[in-house]
Amino acid sequence: MRKIIDIDDNLIPKLKLLAALESSSVKKIMEDAVTWYIEQKQKEQMNTLSLEQKEDLGLLLLMQQATTVSLVDEEELFKQ
């Protein structure tokens, strides 16, 4: 997806220098910076969650991974 953004003119030479030092492109440097920022914010959010909220989130993630195609009949579900 292409997005047009305004970048401060003072940052452009710095981005170009970083790209040259990393043997990368300015676009890649900016993508990496945005990815890092998002990951940091997600970590901050995870650190502020209570234990119960973390457990709920873990359960939600497990439920999203569950296969919803196969069905289990009632007898098998309640069999001991």
Protein backbone atom coordinates (compact mmCIF):
# COMPACT_ATOMS: atom_id res chain seq x y z
CA MET A 1 0.00 0.00 0.00
CA ARG A 2 1.39 3.37 -0.95
CA LYS A 3 0.96 6.31 1.37
CA ILE A 4 2.22 9.83 0.90
CA ILE A 5 3.63 11.29 4.11
CA ASP A 6 5.35 14.54 4.92
CA ILE A 7 8.83 14.12 6.36
CA ASP A 8 10.71 16.92 8.03
CA ASP A 9 13.43 18.19 5.69
CA ASN A 10 15.99 17.81 8.50
CA LEU A 11 15.32 14.07 8.69
CA ILE A 12 15.88 13.26 5.03
CA PRO A 13 19.71 13.56 5.08
CA LYS A 14 19.80 11.50 8.28
CA LEU A 15 17.64 8.82 6.70
CA LYS A 16 19.87 8.77 3.64
CA LEU A 17 22.97 8.45 5.81
CA LEU A 18 21.44 5.58 7.79
CA ALA A 19 20.41 3.87 4.58
CA ALA A 20 23.94 4.18 3.20
CA LEU A 21 25.50 2.86 6.42
CA GLU A 22 23.06 -0.06 6.50
CA SER A 23 23.41 -0.75 2.75
CA SER A 24 19.68 -0.39 2.54
CA SER A 25 17.09 1.97 1.14
CA VAL A 26 15.44 4.91 2.86
CA LYS A 27 12.11 3.15 2.42
CA LYS A 28 13.40 0.03 4.19
CA ILE A 29 14.90 2.10 7.03
CA MET A 30 11.55 3.85 7.54
CA GLU A 31 9.62 0.56 7.41
CA ASP A 32 11.98 -0.94 9.99
CA ALA A 33 11.56 2.10 12.23
CA VAL A 34 7.77 1.92 12.06
CA THR A 35 7.83 -1.84 12.71
CA TRP A 36 10.12 -1.35 15.72
CA TYR A 37 7.88 1.42 17.09
CA ILE A 38 4.75 -0.73 16.79
CA GLU A 39 6.47 -3.67 18.50
CA GLN A 40 7.61 -1.42 21.35
CA LYS A 41 4.09 -0.08 21.85
CA GLN A 42 2.70 -3.62 21.87
CA LYS A 43 5.27 -4.62 24.51
CA GLU A 44 4.32 -1.59 26.60
CA GLN A 45 0.66 -2.57 26.39
CA MET A 46 1.45 -6.17 27.37
CA ASN A 47 3.45 -4.97 30.37
CA THR A 48 0.53 -2.88 31.62
CA LEU A 49 -1.96 -5.77 31.46
CA SER A 50 -2.92 -7.60 34.62
CA LEU A 51 -2.31 -11.34 34.90
CA GLU A 52 -6.00 -12.02 34.30
CA GLN A 53 -6.00 -9.85 31.16
CA LYS A 54 -2.89 -11.67 29.87
CA GLU A 55 -4.59 -15.02 30.44
CA ASP A 56 -7.70 -13.81 28.61
CA LEU A 57 -5.58 -12.61 25.69
CA GLY A 58 -3.73 -15.94 25.57
CA LEU A 59 -7.03 -17.81 25.52
CA LEU A 60 -8.30 -15.56 22.74
CA LEU A 61 -5.18 -16.23 20.66
CA LEU A 62 -5.53 -19.98 21.20
CA MET A 63 -9.18 -19.86 20.19
CA GLN A 64 -8.27 -18.01 17.00
CA GLN A 65 -5.83 -20.80 16.11
CA ALA A 66 -8.39 -23.52 16.68
CA THR A 67 -9.71 -25.37 13.67
CA THR A 68 -13.38 -24.59 13.22
CA VAL A 69 -13.86 -26.99 10.31
CA SER A 70 -14.01 -30.23 12.27
CA LEU A 71 -16.95 -30.88 14.55
CA VAL A 72 -17.14 -32.92 17.73
CA ASP A 73 -20.38 -34.60 18.63
CA GLU A 74 -21.92 -34.16 22.07
CA GLU A 75 -21.11 -37.70 23.25
CA GLU A 76 -17.41 -37.30 22.49
CA LEU A 77 -17.33 -33.88 24.13
CA PHE A 78 -18.81 -35.03 27.43
CA LYS A 79 -17.21 -38.49 27.45
CA GLN A 80 -15.02 -39.07 30.53
